[in-house]
């Protein structure tokens, strides 16, 4: 029995401004109609068990909705109150599965990879499965096709078998000169971050080398509780857990690890350069998406989410235009997006967290205008959904129904509004917006007040267990 463990908690900051911390790259459809997260599950062999998903609390409804879209009922969705890297995440999954009395093989898969040769991927899983059944800790190493500074490397001990190799060492992301030496030697594979092993074998090694991680995860699960489709941890105990990758915590220390080489047209789409290299290009070497016009442009990635973007007389650029942020970078410098992210964090810019359109479990809102003392939002509420029963300390709200029928709770009254009708909610008054109909409800919300931040919401009742 193999249980896929999908690690879906990353932030994907190197693909900013498309990828944001609350809507990261794994939940975006970057290469086709489905998202990277959905593709990770859809390419699994049919014989495998239901996937177990691990993600951040803030991304739980994204994960659940995208699973629903592809008609996948997961084993469970474990919510991390704080990202602690891969070693604790995998420990949580292994401990949870062993609770049921089984000791399955677990196939660890990051949710943001692209694998085009599915048959080769399945073949490598079969090889790795046999090794894992014999108590090996197996990782998958990508056969490199060029010197790459964006990946870690695995140094191998060559042997007669080409199906797998013993691991000599793990190497951090190298500079260009080191990467070229690695490739020329023929003794290195790219570190994919994918693994397969028995749950018990991993936990035994973790307990040996990193007992603090093992104990913190075990205690965090002992007082878990179910919230809808989610498993919530004991936050106090999980916050004590060290932040370490599986490579540092186990794989570099164990004497029981092997690597299976994988040639499957793989990419982790970890940068704009990687996405550009993966996409099909026009005759001038360009990739363009959205309403884009190029004139005398070469080797450029151009993306527009919502308006006309025109580019003329340049080469080797990355141009990404979203509704609230524009990125222009030399394509050779796109890896240094981390510098922009650092500046955004330092200045507490909201653009690092979310897009202008923010998805919620009940639908979404789109901030279409704002200024001193006011903010205008377009709100869509899904059929059968409702917002929390709430009030605001600093702001009042005007609601105008554009489409559908709104059921309004205001103080101790409940009434309905149709299209072109409106109401006013003063600050400090209890209220709720609900859509009882079978079509989406759309309203325009005009907020006025001294403070309009999203944290000015005092929830009294909530179907989604938010604070």
Foldseek 3Di string as FASTA:
>chain_A
DEEEEEEEADQLLLPPPVTFNLRGQLLDPLPDPHGLLLVVVVLDPPPHDFYEYEYAPSCVLSVVVSCVVVPGDHPFYEHDPDAQAALLSLLLVLVVVCVVVDWHKYKYHYSQKDFAQSVLVVVLVVLQVVLQVVFFKEFAFELDDAQDQPFKKWFFDDDPDQQKTFTDAIGHRDPRVVSVVQNVVSGMTTGRLIIIHISVSSLVQLCVQPVLSNVLSVQQQVPWDDQPRHIYTDNVSNVSHHRDYCCVRGVRPDNRYMYGYTHGPMDSCSHPLRSLVPDDADPQSEDEEDQEAEECEHNEYYYDDDDYDYDYDYYQWYWYYYPPDIDIDRNVCSSVSVVVVVVCVVVVPCSNHDGQWAADSQGIKHFPDDDQFKTKIKDKGAAFDKFFFWFFAWKKKKKAWQAAKKWKDWANDTDIDHHRDIDIGGGPTTMMIGHNDNGMTIIMMMMGGNDDDPVRIDGPGGSRPDD
